[in-house]
Amino acid sequence: MHDRLEWYRAVLAGGLVPLFYHGDAEVAGGVAAALVAGGAPAVEFTNRGPGALRVFQALAERPEFDGAASLGVGSIIDAPTAALFIAAGARFVVSPVFSAEVARLCNRRRIPYLPGCATPTEIATAEEWGVEIVKVFPGKMGGPAFIRDVLGPMPWSRLMPTGGVQLSAASLTGWFAAGACCVGMGSDLVRRDLVAAGDYRAISTNVRTALTLIRQARGG
């Protein structure tokens, strides 16, 4: 999935962006394959370890990302790091903060950029720089009420809470009822015990469960 508009349509339709990190390329490959097998249209691999770029490069070569599913990078703080991962095959960039330099780079490369924002001013600033989907981070700080309160005066905003999103009907219904356009989810999908056991089938099942709950939360 190389077209930016197609990427937005797929993520908004599914409502889910799974994210994870693992320092072993083989294990990371198994997790990524499981997420795609479960139906995730996009997979975020976070830049959280010294070997993250090397592992990401291996993931980008996997057949799961030759078709409809896309691989992106998360935990990006600055433009030089973003450029490295884009050159390695990142199809979208996620950050815990907003950076005008990263926004400029991604706009030039036609790469979706989802920066983390925690206030209405930060959200509005990101949107002025062309951001279509704003990552609300940390999501658990304001909860669904923050999404609802922001969308009152800013109904055009597309907000993706990350952090505090749980794999449960109550949690997902709460976020989507508040107006979230999609959610980022990590530890509840890619549980450490499942990764340690190599139980990739269970990770795929978690993704399918999340997508089903999201459809139900949307009334579909």
N, C-alpha and C. Protein backbone atom coordinates (compact mmCIF):
# COMPACT_ATOMS: atom_id res chain seq x y z
N MET A 1 0.85 -1.18 0.00
CA MET A 1 0.00 0.00 0.00
C MET A 1 0.90 1.24 0.00
N HIS A 2 1.11 1.83 -1.17
CA HIS A 2 2.06 2.92 -1.30
C HIS A 2 1.40 4.28 -1.47
N ASP A 3 0.10 4.32 -1.75
CA ASP A 3 -0.61 5.57 -1.95
C ASP A 3 -1.11 6.11 -0.62
N ARG A 4 -0.82 7.38 -0.35
CA ARG A 4 -1.17 7.95 0.95
C ARG A 4 -2.68 7.97 1.18
N LEU A 5 -3.45 8.33 0.17
CA LEU A 5 -4.90 8.36 0.34
C LEU A 5 -5.46 6.97 0.57
N GLU A 6 -4.92 5.98 -0.12
CA GLU A 6 -5.36 4.60 0.10
C GLU A 6 -5.03 4.16 1.52
N TRP A 7 -3.88 4.59 2.01
CA TRP A 7 -3.49 4.23 3.38
C TRP A 7 -4.50 4.79 4.38
N TYR A 8 -4.85 6.06 4.22
CA TYR A 8 -5.82 6.66 5.13
C TYR A 8 -7.15 5.93 5.06
N ARG A 9 -7.61 5.62 3.86
CA ARG A 9 -8.90 4.95 3.71
C ARG A 9 -8.88 3.59 4.40
N ALA A 10 -7.79 2.82 4.23
CA ALA A 10 -7.72 1.49 4.82
C ALA A 10 -7.69 1.55 6.34
N VAL A 11 -6.91 2.47 6.89
CA VAL A 11 -6.80 2.57 8.35
C VAL A 11 -8.09 3.09 8.96
N LEU A 12 -8.71 4.07 8.32
CA LEU A 12 -9.97 4.59 8.84
C LEU A 12 -11.07 3.54 8.76
N ALA A 13 -11.04 2.72 7.72
CA ALA A 13 -12.05 1.67 7.58
C ALA A 13 -11.89 0.60 8.64
N GLY A 14 -10.65 0.18 8.90
CA GLY A 14 -10.40 -0.86 9.90
C GLY A 14 -10.46 -0.34 11.32
N GLY A 15 -9.98 0.88 11.52
CA GLY A 15 -10.04 1.50 12.84
C GLY A 15 -8.95 1.07 13.80
N LEU A 16 -7.92 0.35 13.30
CA LEU A 16 -6.92 -0.20 14.22
C LEU A 16 -5.52 -0.09 13.63
N VAL A 17 -4.57 0.40 14.43
CA VAL A 17 -3.15 0.38 14.08
C VAL A 17 -2.40 -0.35 15.19
N PRO A 18 -2.07 -1.63 15.00
CA PRO A 18 -1.30 -2.36 16.01
C PRO A 18 0.14 -1.87 16.04
N LEU A 19 0.75 -1.87 17.22
CA LEU A 19 2.14 -1.44 17.34
C LEU A 19 2.89 -2.37 18.27
N PHE A 20 4.18 -2.55 17.96
CA PHE A 20 5.01 -3.43 18.80
C PHE A 20 6.47 -3.16 18.53
N TYR A 21 7.32 -3.70 19.41
CA TYR A 21 8.77 -3.71 19.20
C TYR A 21 9.32 -5.03 19.69
N HIS A 22 10.28 -5.55 18.96
CA HIS A 22 11.07 -6.68 19.43
C HIS A 22 12.44 -6.60 18.77
N GLY A 23 13.47 -6.85 19.54
CA GLY A 23 14.82 -6.71 19.04
C GLY A 23 15.34 -7.85 18.20
N ASP A 24 14.61 -8.96 18.17
CA ASP A 24 15.01 -10.11 17.37
C ASP A 24 14.22 -10.10 16.06
N ALA A 25 14.93 -10.10 14.93
CA ALA A 25 14.26 -9.97 13.63
C ALA A 25 13.33 -11.15 13.34
N GLU A 26 13.73 -12.34 13.76
CA GLU A 26 12.90 -13.51 13.48
C GLU A 26 11.60 -13.45 14.28
N VAL A 27 11.71 -13.10 15.56
CA VAL A 27 10.51 -12.99 16.39
C VAL A 27 9.63 -11.85 15.89
N ALA A 28 10.26 -10.72 15.58
CA ALA A 28 9.50 -9.58 15.07
C ALA A 28 8.77 -9.95 13.78
N GLY A 29 9.40 -10.74 12.94
CA GLY A 29 8.76 -11.18 11.71
C GLY A 29 7.55 -12.04 11.99
N GLY A 30 7.65 -12.90 12.99
CA GLY A 30 6.51 -13.73 13.36
C GLY A 30 5.35 -12.90 13.88
N VAL A 31 5.66 -11.88 14.68
CA VAL A 31 4.61 -11.02 15.22
C VAL A 31 3.95 -10.23 14.10
N ALA A 32 4.77 -9.64 13.23
CA ALA A 32 4.22 -8.84 12.12
C ALA A 32 3.33 -9.69 11.23
N ALA A 33 3.77 -10.90 10.91
CA ALA A 33 2.97 -11.80 10.08
C ALA A 33 1.65 -12.13 10.76
N ALA A 34 1.69 -12.31 12.07
CA ALA A 34 0.46 -12.63 12.81
C ALA A 34 -0.51 -11.45 12.79
N LEU A 35 0.01 -10.24 12.92
CA LEU A 35 -0.85 -9.07 12.91
C LEU A 35 -1.54 -8.90 11.55
N VAL A 36 -0.78 -9.11 10.49
CA VAL A 36 -1.36 -9.00 9.14
C VAL A 36 -2.36 -10.13 8.91
N ALA A 37 -2.02 -11.34 9.37
CA ALA A 37 -2.93 -12.48 9.20
C ALA A 37 -4.25 -12.24 9.93
N GLY A 38 -4.20 -11.48 11.02
CA GLY A 38 -5.42 -11.18 11.76
C GLY A 38 -6.28 -10.12 11.11
N GLY A 39 -5.74 -9.46 10.08
CA GLY A 39 -6.53 -8.47 9.35
C GLY A 39 -6.09 -7.04 9.50
N ALA A 40 -4.97 -6.80 10.18
CA ALA A 40 -4.51 -5.42 10.37
C ALA A 40 -4.06 -4.83 9.03
N PRO A 41 -4.59 -3.66 8.65
CA PRO A 41 -4.17 -3.05 7.38
C PRO A 41 -2.82 -2.36 7.48
N ALA A 42 -2.39 -2.06 8.70
CA ALA A 42 -1.12 -1.38 8.92
C ALA A 42 -0.50 -1.89 10.21
N VAL A 43 0.84 -1.97 10.22
CA VAL A 43 1.57 -2.42 11.39
C VAL A 43 2.64 -1.39 11.72
N GLU A 44 2.65 -0.92 12.96
CA GLU A 44 3.64 0.05 13.41
C GLU A 44 4.72 -0.66 14.22
N PHE A 45 5.96 -0.59 13.74
CA PHE A 45 7.10 -1.13 14.48
C PHE A 45 7.79 0.05 15.15
N THR A 46 7.86 0.04 16.47
CA THR A 46 8.36 1.20 17.20
C THR A 46 9.89 1.21 17.28
N ASN A 47 10.44 2.40 17.18
CA ASN A 47 11.88 2.61 17.23
C ASN A 47 12.32 2.73 18.69
N ARG A 48 12.39 1.58 19.37
CA ARG A 48 12.63 1.62 20.81
C ARG A 48 13.84 0.82 21.25
N GLY A 49 14.73 0.49 20.35
CA GLY A 49 15.91 -0.27 20.73
C GLY A 49 17.06 0.05 19.80
N PRO A 50 18.30 -0.27 20.22
CA PRO A 50 19.47 0.07 19.41
C PRO A 50 19.51 -0.63 18.06
N GLY A 51 18.82 -1.77 17.94
CA GLY A 51 18.81 -2.49 16.68
C GLY A 51 17.52 -2.32 15.90
N ALA A 52 16.74 -1.29 16.23
CA ALA A 52 15.41 -1.15 15.63
C ALA A 52 15.47 -1.01 14.11
N LEU A 53 16.41 -0.23 13.61
CA LEU A 53 16.49 -0.03 12.16
C LEU A 53 16.83 -1.32 11.44
N ARG A 54 17.74 -2.08 12.01
CA ARG A 54 18.12 -3.37 11.40
C ARG A 54 16.92 -4.31 11.36
N VAL A 55 16.19 -4.40 12.44
CA VAL A 55 15.00 -5.27 12.47
C VAL A 55 13.95 -4.76 11.49
N PHE A 56 13.78 -3.44 11.45
CA PHE A 56 12.79 -2.87 10.54
C PHE A 56 13.13 -3.20 9.09
N GLN A 57 14.39 -3.11 8.74
CA GLN A 57 14.81 -3.42 7.37
C GLN A 57 14.45 -4.86 7.00
N ALA A 58 14.61 -5.76 7.96
CA ALA A 58 14.24 -7.16 7.71
C ALA A 58 12.73 -7.30 7.54
N LEU A 59 11.97 -6.58 8.36
CA LEU A 59 10.51 -6.65 8.26
C LEU A 59 10.03 -6.10 6.91
N ALA A 60 10.65 -5.03 6.45
CA ALA A 60 10.22 -4.40 5.21
C ALA A 60 10.37 -5.32 4.00
N GLU A 61 11.22 -6.34 4.12
CA GLU A 61 11.44 -7.28 3.02
C GLU A 61 10.46 -8.44 3.05
N ARG A 62 9.64 -8.52 4.07
CA ARG A 62 8.74 -9.66 4.21
C ARG A 62 7.58 -9.57 3.22
N PRO A 63 7.09 -10.72 2.75
CA PRO A 63 6.01 -10.72 1.75
C PRO A 63 4.69 -10.16 2.27
N GLU A 64 4.51 -10.15 3.59
CA GLU A 64 3.25 -9.61 4.13
C GLU A 64 3.04 -8.15 3.74
N PHE A 65 4.13 -7.44 3.45
CA PHE A 65 4.03 -6.02 3.16
C PHE A 65 4.20 -5.70 1.68
N ASP A 66 4.00 -6.71 0.84
CA ASP A 66 4.02 -6.50 -0.61
C ASP A 66 2.66 -6.12 -1.15
N GLY A 67 1.60 -6.37 -0.35
CA GLY A 67 0.25 -6.15 -0.85
C GLY A 67 -0.49 -5.05 -0.12
N ALA A 68 -1.65 -5.41 0.43
CA ALA A 68 -2.53 -4.41 1.02
C ALA A 68 -2.03 -3.89 2.37
N ALA A 69 -1.32 -4.71 3.14
CA ALA A 69 -0.84 -4.28 4.45
C ALA A 69 0.40 -3.42 4.31
N SER A 70 0.54 -2.45 5.21
CA SER A 70 1.69 -1.55 5.16
C SER A 70 2.45 -1.58 6.47
N LEU A 71 3.76 -1.36 6.37
CA LEU A 71 4.63 -1.32 7.54
C LEU A 71 5.07 0.12 7.77
N GLY A 72 4.91 0.58 9.01
CA GLY A 72 5.35 1.92 9.36
C GLY A 72 6.22 1.89 10.60
N VAL A 73 6.72 3.06 10.96
CA VAL A 73 7.61 3.15 12.11
C VAL A 73 7.00 4.10 13.14
N GLY A 74 7.20 3.77 14.41
CA GLY A 74 6.70 4.60 15.50
C GLY A 74 7.82 5.07 16.41
N SER A 75 7.49 5.92 17.36
CA SER A 75 8.44 6.48 18.32
C SER A 75 9.53 7.30 17.64
N ILE A 76 9.15 8.02 16.59
CA ILE A 76 10.08 8.86 15.85
C ILE A 76 10.02 10.29 16.40
N ILE A 77 11.17 10.84 16.73
CA ILE A 77 11.24 12.15 17.35
C ILE A 77 11.74 13.22 16.39
N ASP A 78 12.66 12.85 15.48
CA ASP A 78 13.30 13.86 14.64
C ASP A 78 13.32 13.45 13.17
N ALA A 79 13.53 14.42 12.31
CA ALA A 79 13.48 14.20 10.87
C ALA A 79 14.60 13.27 10.35
N PRO A 80 15.84 13.40 10.82
CA PRO A 80 16.87 12.48 10.32
C PRO A 80 16.53 11.01 10.57
N THR A 81 15.99 10.72 11.75
CA THR A 81 15.62 9.34 12.04
C THR A 81 14.45 8.91 11.16
N ALA A 82 13.49 9.80 10.98
CA ALA A 82 12.37 9.49 10.10
C ALA A 82 12.86 9.18 8.69
N ALA A 83 13.82 9.96 8.20
CA ALA A 83 14.35 9.76 6.85
C ALA A 83 15.01 8.39 6.71
N LEU A 84 15.71 7.95 7.74
CA LEU A 84 16.36 6.63 7.71
C LEU A 84 15.32 5.53 7.54
N PHE A 85 14.25 5.61 8.30
CA PHE A 85 13.23 4.56 8.25
C PHE A 85 12.41 4.65 6.96
N ILE A 86 12.17 5.86 6.47
CA ILE A 86 11.47 5.99 5.20
C ILE A 86 12.31 5.37 4.08
N ALA A 87 13.61 5.62 4.10
CA ALA A 87 14.50 5.02 3.11
C ALA A 87 14.50 3.50 3.22
N ALA A 88 14.27 2.98 4.43
CA ALA A 88 14.25 1.53 4.65
C ALA A 88 12.90 0.92 4.31
N GLY A 89 11.91 1.76 3.96
CA GLY A 89 10.62 1.21 3.54
C GLY A 89 9.41 1.59 4.36
N ALA A 90 9.56 2.50 5.33
CA ALA A 90 8.41 2.91 6.14
C ALA A 90 7.37 3.60 5.28
N ARG A 91 6.11 3.16 5.39
CA ARG A 91 5.02 3.74 4.61
C ARG A 91 4.19 4.73 5.42
N PHE A 92 4.47 4.81 6.72
CA PHE A 92 3.87 5.85 7.55
C PHE A 92 4.75 6.05 8.77
N VAL A 93 4.64 7.22 9.40
CA VAL A 93 5.49 7.59 10.53
C VAL A 93 4.62 8.03 11.69
N VAL A 94 4.87 7.47 12.86
CA VAL A 94 4.12 7.81 14.07
C VAL A 94 5.10 8.33 15.12
N SER A 95 4.66 9.29 15.90
CA SER A 95 5.54 9.90 16.90
C SER A 95 4.79 10.16 18.19
N PRO A 96 5.50 10.21 19.32
CA PRO A 96 4.84 10.60 20.57
C PRO A 96 4.68 12.11 20.70
N VAL A 97 5.34 12.86 19.80
CA VAL A 97 5.30 14.33 19.84
C VAL A 97 5.11 14.86 18.42
N PHE A 98 4.79 16.17 18.32
CA PHE A 98 4.71 16.80 17.00
C PHE A 98 6.04 17.47 16.68
N SER A 99 6.50 17.29 15.44
CA SER A 99 7.71 17.94 14.96
C SER A 99 7.43 18.53 13.59
N ALA A 100 7.63 19.83 13.44
CA ALA A 100 7.41 20.48 12.15
C ALA A 100 8.38 19.93 11.10
N GLU A 101 9.60 19.60 11.52
CA GLU A 101 10.58 19.08 10.58
C GLU A 101 10.16 17.71 10.05
N VAL A 102 9.63 16.86 10.92
CA VAL A 102 9.15 15.54 10.47
C VAL A 102 7.94 15.72 9.58
N ALA A 103 7.05 16.64 9.92
CA ALA A 103 5.87 16.90 9.09
C ALA A 103 6.29 17.34 7.70
N ARG A 104 7.27 18.24 7.62
CA ARG A 104 7.74 18.71 6.31
C ARG A 104 8.32 17.57 5.49
N LEU A 105 9.13 16.75 6.12
CA LEU A 105 9.74 15.61 5.42
C LEU A 105 8.67 14.65 4.91
N CYS A 106 7.72 14.30 5.77
CA CYS A 106 6.68 13.35 5.37
C CYS A 106 5.80 13.92 4.26
N ASN A 107 5.50 15.21 4.33
CA ASN A 107 4.70 15.82 3.27
C ASN A 107 5.44 15.77 1.94
N ARG A 108 6.73 16.01 1.95
CA ARG A 108 7.51 15.95 0.72
C ARG A 108 7.52 14.55 0.13
N ARG A 109 7.57 13.55 1.01
CA ARG A 109 7.63 12.15 0.56
C ARG A 109 6.25 11.53 0.38
N ARG A 110 5.19 12.30 0.65
CA ARG A 110 3.81 11.78 0.56
C ARG A 110 3.60 10.60 1.50
N ILE A 111 4.15 10.74 2.71
CA ILE A 111 4.07 9.71 3.74
C ILE A 111 3.12 10.18 4.84
N PRO A 112 2.14 9.37 5.24
CA PRO A 112 1.28 9.77 6.36
C PRO A 112 2.10 9.96 7.64
N TYR A 113 1.81 11.03 8.35
CA TYR A 113 2.50 11.36 9.60
C TYR A 113 1.45 11.51 10.69
N LEU A 114 1.60 10.72 11.77
CA LEU A 114 0.66 10.72 12.89
C LEU A 114 1.41 11.11 14.15
N PRO A 115 1.48 12.40 14.46
CA PRO A 115 2.22 12.84 15.65
C PRO A 115 1.37 12.77 16.90
N GLY A 116 2.03 12.61 18.03
CA GLY A 116 1.35 12.58 19.31
C GLY A 116 1.08 13.98 19.83
N CYS A 117 -0.16 14.23 20.21
CA CYS A 117 -0.56 15.53 20.75
C CYS A 117 -1.43 15.31 21.98
N ALA A 118 -1.37 16.26 22.91
CA ALA A 118 -2.12 16.09 24.16
C ALA A 118 -2.96 17.30 24.51
N THR A 119 -2.98 18.32 23.64
CA THR A 119 -3.80 19.51 23.90
C THR A 119 -4.47 19.94 22.59
N PRO A 120 -5.57 20.69 22.68
CA PRO A 120 -6.20 21.21 21.47
C PRO A 120 -5.25 22.07 20.64
N THR A 121 -4.39 22.84 21.29
CA THR A 121 -3.44 23.68 20.55
C THR A 121 -2.46 22.83 19.76
N GLU A 122 -1.94 21.77 20.37
CA GLU A 122 -1.03 20.88 19.66
C GLU A 122 -1.73 20.21 18.48
N ILE A 123 -2.98 19.79 18.68
CA ILE A 123 -3.74 19.16 17.61
C ILE A 123 -3.93 20.13 16.46
N ALA A 124 -4.32 21.37 16.76
CA ALA A 124 -4.53 22.37 15.73
C ALA A 124 -3.24 22.70 14.99
N THR A 125 -2.14 22.76 15.71
CA THR A 125 -0.84 23.03 15.08
C THR A 125 -0.47 21.91 14.11
N ALA A 126 -0.65 20.68 14.55
CA ALA A 126 -0.35 19.54 13.68
C ALA A 126 -1.20 19.58 12.42
N GLU A 127 -2.48 19.92 12.57
CA GLU A 127 -3.37 19.99 11.42
C GLU A 127 -2.96 21.10 10.46
N GLU A 128 -2.44 22.20 10.98
CA GLU A 128 -1.95 23.28 10.12
C GLU A 128 -0.77 22.81 9.25
N TRP A 129 -0.06 21.81 9.75
CA TRP A 129 1.08 21.25 9.00
C TRP A 129 0.66 20.07 8.12
N GLY A 130 -0.64 19.88 7.96
CA GLY A 130 -1.12 18.87 7.02
C GLY A 130 -1.39 17.51 7.61
N VAL A 131 -1.36 17.38 8.93
CA VAL A 131 -1.61 16.08 9.56
C VAL A 131 -3.09 15.75 9.44
N GLU A 132 -3.40 14.56 8.93
CA GLU A 132 -4.78 14.12 8.75
C GLU A 132 -5.32 13.36 9.95
N ILE A 133 -4.47 12.54 10.56
CA ILE A 133 -4.85 11.78 11.75
C ILE A 133 -3.87 12.13 12.87
N VAL A 134 -4.38 12.66 13.95
CA VAL A 134 -3.54 13.02 15.09
C VAL A 134 -3.59 11.91 16.13
N LYS A 135 -2.44 11.48 16.56
CA LYS A 135 -2.34 10.50 17.64
C LYS A 135 -2.53 11.23 18.97
N VAL A 136 -3.55 10.87 19.71
CA VAL A 136 -3.75 11.44 21.04
C VAL A 136 -2.95 10.61 22.02
N PHE A 137 -1.90 11.22 22.58
CA PHE A 137 -0.97 10.47 23.43
C PHE A 137 -0.50 11.33 24.59
N PRO A 138 -0.44 10.73 25.80
CA PRO A 138 -0.96 9.39 26.14
C PRO A 138 -2.48 9.40 26.27
N GLY A 139 -3.12 8.45 25.62
CA GLY A 139 -4.58 8.42 25.59
C GLY A 139 -5.20 8.30 26.97
N LYS A 140 -4.56 7.56 27.85
CA LYS A 140 -5.16 7.33 29.17
C LYS A 140 -5.15 8.59 30.04
N MET A 141 -4.39 9.61 29.63
CA MET A 141 -4.33 10.82 30.44
C MET A 141 -5.68 11.54 30.46
N GLY A 142 -6.31 11.67 29.29
CA GLY A 142 -7.61 12.34 29.23
C GLY A 142 -8.77 11.40 29.01
N GLY A 143 -8.47 10.20 28.50
CA GLY A 143 -9.49 9.20 28.25
C GLY A 143 -10.46 9.63 27.15
N PRO A 144 -11.52 8.85 26.95
CA PRO A 144 -12.50 9.19 25.92
C PRO A 144 -13.10 10.58 26.08
N ALA A 145 -13.19 11.07 27.31
CA ALA A 145 -13.77 12.40 27.52
C ALA A 145 -12.98 13.47 26.80
N PHE A 146 -11.65 13.31 26.73
CA PHE A 146 -10.82 14.29 26.03
C PHE A 146 -11.16 14.32 24.54
N ILE A 147 -11.33 13.13 23.94
CA ILE A 147 -11.70 13.05 22.53
C ILE A 147 -13.02 13.79 22.30
N ARG A 148 -13.99 13.49 23.13
CA ARG A 148 -15.32 14.10 23.00
C ARG A 148 -15.24 15.62 23.16
N ASP A 149 -14.47 16.08 24.14
CA ASP A 149 -14.38 17.51 24.40
C ASP A 149 -13.68 18.25 23.25
N VAL A 150 -12.65 17.65 22.66
CA VAL A 150 -11.95 18.30 21.55
C VAL A 150 -12.83 18.37 20.31
N LEU A 151 -13.56 17.29 20.04
CA LEU A 151 -14.39 17.25 18.83
C LEU A 151 -15.59 18.18 18.91
N GLY A 152 -15.93 18.64 20.11
CA GLY A 152 -17.02 19.61 20.22
C GLY A 152 -16.75 20.85 19.39
N PRO A 153 -15.66 21.59 19.69
CA PRO A 153 -15.34 22.78 18.89
C PRO A 153 -14.53 22.47 17.64
N MET A 154 -13.99 21.24 17.51
CA MET A 154 -13.13 20.89 16.37
C MET A 154 -13.61 19.58 15.73
N PRO A 155 -14.83 19.56 15.20
CA PRO A 155 -15.42 18.31 14.71
C PRO A 155 -14.71 17.73 13.50
N TRP A 156 -13.87 18.51 12.84
CA TRP A 156 -13.14 18.04 11.66
C TRP A 156 -11.92 17.20 12.02
N SER A 157 -11.52 17.21 13.27
CA SER A 157 -10.31 16.51 13.67
C SER A 157 -10.51 15.00 13.63
N ARG A 158 -9.47 14.29 13.18
CA ARG A 158 -9.44 12.83 13.22
C ARG A 158 -8.42 12.43 14.29
N LEU A 159 -8.90 11.78 15.34
CA LEU A 159 -8.07 11.51 16.51
C LEU A 159 -7.92 10.01 16.75
N MET A 160 -6.67 9.60 16.95
CA MET A 160 -6.35 8.20 17.20
C MET A 160 -5.72 8.06 18.59
N PRO A 161 -6.49 7.71 19.61
CA PRO A 161 -5.91 7.52 20.93
C PRO A 161 -4.97 6.32 20.96
N THR A 162 -3.87 6.49 21.65
CA THR A 162 -2.89 5.41 21.83
C THR A 162 -2.38 5.48 23.26
N GLY A 163 -2.35 4.33 23.92
CA GLY A 163 -1.99 4.31 25.33
C GLY A 163 -3.27 4.34 26.15
N GLY A 164 -3.58 3.24 26.79
CA GLY A 164 -4.83 3.17 27.54
C GLY A 164 -5.97 2.53 26.78
N VAL A 165 -5.73 2.10 25.53
CA VAL A 165 -6.76 1.40 24.76
C VAL A 165 -6.65 -0.09 25.06
N GLN A 166 -7.73 -0.67 25.51
CA GLN A 166 -7.72 -2.08 25.92
C GLN A 166 -8.54 -2.94 24.97
N LEU A 167 -8.19 -4.22 24.95
CA LEU A 167 -8.89 -5.18 24.10
C LEU A 167 -10.14 -5.66 24.83
N SER A 168 -11.13 -4.79 24.88
CA SER A 168 -12.39 -5.13 25.53
C SER A 168 -13.50 -4.32 24.88
N ALA A 169 -14.71 -4.85 24.93
CA ALA A 169 -15.85 -4.14 24.35
C ALA A 169 -16.06 -2.80 25.04
N ALA A 170 -15.89 -2.78 26.36
CA ALA A 170 -16.12 -1.55 27.11
C ALA A 170 -15.13 -0.46 26.70
N SER A 171 -13.87 -0.82 26.59
CA SER A 171 -12.85 0.16 26.24
C SER A 171 -13.05 0.68 24.82
N LEU A 172 -13.18 -0.22 23.87
CA LEU A 172 -13.29 0.20 22.48
C LEU A 172 -14.59 0.95 22.21
N THR A 173 -15.67 0.50 22.83
CA THR A 173 -16.93 1.23 22.67
C THR A 173 -16.81 2.64 23.23
N GLY A 174 -16.13 2.77 24.35
CA GLY A 174 -15.94 4.09 24.95
C GLY A 174 -15.18 5.04 24.04
N TRP A 175 -14.11 4.55 23.44
CA TRP A 175 -13.30 5.41 22.57
C TRP A 175 -14.04 5.80 21.30
N PHE A 176 -14.68 4.82 20.66
CA PHE A 176 -15.36 5.13 19.40
C PHE A 176 -16.65 5.91 19.61
N ALA A 177 -17.32 5.67 20.72
CA ALA A 177 -18.50 6.47 21.03
C ALA A 177 -18.12 7.93 21.27
N ALA A 178 -16.91 8.14 21.76
CA ALA A 178 -16.43 9.51 21.99
C ALA A 178 -16.04 10.21 20.70
N GLY A 179 -15.82 9.42 19.63
CA GLY A 179 -15.51 10.02 18.34
C GLY A 179 -14.15 9.68 17.77
N ALA A 180 -13.42 8.75 18.39
CA ALA A 180 -12.12 8.35 17.84
C ALA A 180 -12.31 7.80 16.43
N CYS A 181 -11.39 8.15 15.53
CA CYS A 181 -11.48 7.65 14.15
C CYS A 181 -10.82 6.29 14.02
N CYS A 182 -9.87 6.00 14.89
CA CYS A 182 -9.19 4.71 14.95
C CYS A 182 -8.41 4.69 16.26
N VAL A 183 -7.80 3.57 16.58
CA VAL A 183 -7.05 3.45 17.82
C VAL A 183 -5.71 2.78 17.56
N GLY A 184 -4.73 3.17 18.34
CA GLY A 184 -3.45 2.46 18.34
C GLY A 184 -3.42 1.53 19.53
N MET A 185 -3.00 0.30 19.32
CA MET A 185 -3.03 -0.69 20.40
C MET A 185 -1.77 -1.55 20.35
N GLY A 186 -1.12 -1.70 21.50
CA GLY A 186 0.10 -2.47 21.55
C GLY A 186 0.05 -3.68 22.45
N SER A 187 0.24 -3.47 23.74
CA SER A 187 0.46 -4.58 24.67
C SER A 187 -0.74 -5.50 24.83
N ASP A 188 -1.95 -5.00 24.61
CA ASP A 188 -3.11 -5.87 24.73
C ASP A 188 -3.23 -6.81 23.53
N LEU A 189 -2.70 -6.42 22.39
CA LEU A 189 -2.71 -7.28 21.21
C LEU A 189 -1.49 -8.20 21.20
N VAL A 190 -0.33 -7.58 21.35
CA VAL A 190 0.94 -8.32 21.30
C VAL A 190 1.41 -8.54 22.73
N ARG A 191 0.75 -9.44 23.42
CA ARG A 191 1.07 -9.69 24.82
C ARG A 191 2.43 -10.38 24.95
N ARG A 192 3.16 -9.99 25.98
CA ARG A 192 4.51 -10.52 26.17
C ARG A 192 4.52 -12.04 26.34
N ASP A 193 3.50 -12.55 27.04
CA ASP A 193 3.48 -14.00 27.26
C ASP A 193 3.26 -14.75 25.95
N LEU A 194 2.46 -14.17 25.05
CA LEU A 194 2.22 -14.82 23.76
C LEU A 194 3.47 -14.78 22.90
N VAL A 195 4.17 -13.66 22.92
CA VAL A 195 5.41 -13.55 22.15
C VAL A 195 6.45 -14.52 22.69
N ALA A 196 6.58 -14.60 24.02
CA ALA A 196 7.56 -15.50 24.62
C ALA A 196 7.27 -16.95 24.29
N ALA A 197 5.98 -17.28 24.18
CA ALA A 197 5.60 -18.66 23.86
C ALA A 197 5.58 -18.94 22.36
N GLY A 198 5.78 -17.90 21.56
CA GLY A 198 5.70 -18.08 20.11
C GLY A 198 4.29 -18.39 19.64
N ASP A 199 3.30 -17.92 20.39
CA ASP A 199 1.90 -18.21 20.07
C ASP A 199 1.37 -17.12 19.14
N TYR A 200 1.81 -17.15 17.91
CA TYR A 200 1.42 -16.12 16.94
C TYR A 200 -0.05 -16.26 16.54
N ARG A 201 -0.57 -17.47 16.60
CA ARG A 201 -1.98 -17.67 16.27
C ARG A 201 -2.87 -16.88 17.22
N ALA A 202 -2.49 -16.86 18.50
CA ALA A 202 -3.28 -16.12 19.49
C ALA A 202 -3.21 -14.62 19.21
N ILE A 203 -2.06 -14.14 18.74
CA ILE A 203 -1.94 -12.72 18.38
C ILE A 203 -2.87 -12.39 17.22
N SER A 204 -2.93 -13.26 16.22
CA SER A 204 -3.86 -13.06 15.11
C SER A 204 -5.30 -13.03 15.60
N THR A 205 -5.61 -13.93 16.53
CA THR A 205 -6.96 -13.96 17.09
C THR A 205 -7.28 -12.66 17.81
N ASN A 206 -6.30 -12.12 18.54
CA ASN A 206 -6.51 -10.84 19.22
C ASN A 206 -6.86 -9.73 18.23
N VAL A 207 -6.16 -9.72 17.10
CA VAL A 207 -6.44 -8.69 16.09
C VAL A 207 -7.85 -8.85 15.54
N ARG A 208 -8.22 -10.08 15.22
CA ARG A 208 -9.58 -10.31 14.70
C ARG A 208 -10.63 -9.90 15.72
N THR A 209 -10.37 -10.20 16.99
CA THR A 209 -11.30 -9.81 18.05
C THR A 209 -11.42 -8.29 18.13
N ALA A 210 -10.28 -7.60 18.06
CA ALA A 210 -10.29 -6.14 18.13
C ALA A 210 -11.07 -5.54 16.97
N LEU A 211 -10.84 -6.05 15.77
CA LEU A 211 -11.55 -5.53 14.59
C LEU A 211 -13.05 -5.77 14.69
N THR A 212 -13.43 -6.93 15.23
CA THR A 212 -14.85 -7.22 15.42
C THR A 212 -15.47 -6.28 16.44
N LEU A 213 -14.77 -6.06 17.55
CA LEU A 213 -15.28 -5.15 18.59
C LEU A 213 -15.38 -3.73 18.07
N ILE A 214 -14.44 -3.34 17.22
CA ILE A 214 -14.48 -1.99 16.65
C ILE A 214 -15.69 -1.84 15.73
N ARG A 215 -15.95 -2.84 14.91
CA ARG A 215 -17.13 -2.78 14.05
C ARG A 215 -18.41 -2.68 14.88
N GLN A 216 -18.46 -3.44 15.95
CA GLN A 216 -19.64 -3.40 16.81
C GLN A 216 -19.76 -2.04 17.50
N ALA A 217 -18.61 -1.49 17.92
CA ALA A 217 -18.62 -0.18 18.58
C ALA A 217 -19.11 0.91 17.64
N ARG A 218 -18.86 0.71 16.36
CA ARG A 218 -19.30 1.69 15.35
C ARG A 218 -20.74 1.45 14.91
N GLY A 219 -21.32 0.38 15.44
CA GLY A 219 -22.69 0.07 15.08
C GLY A 219 -22.83 -0.71 13.81
N GLY A 220 -21.71 -1.36 13.39
CA GLY A 220 -21.73 -2.12 12.14
C GLY A 220 -21.85 -3.59 12.39
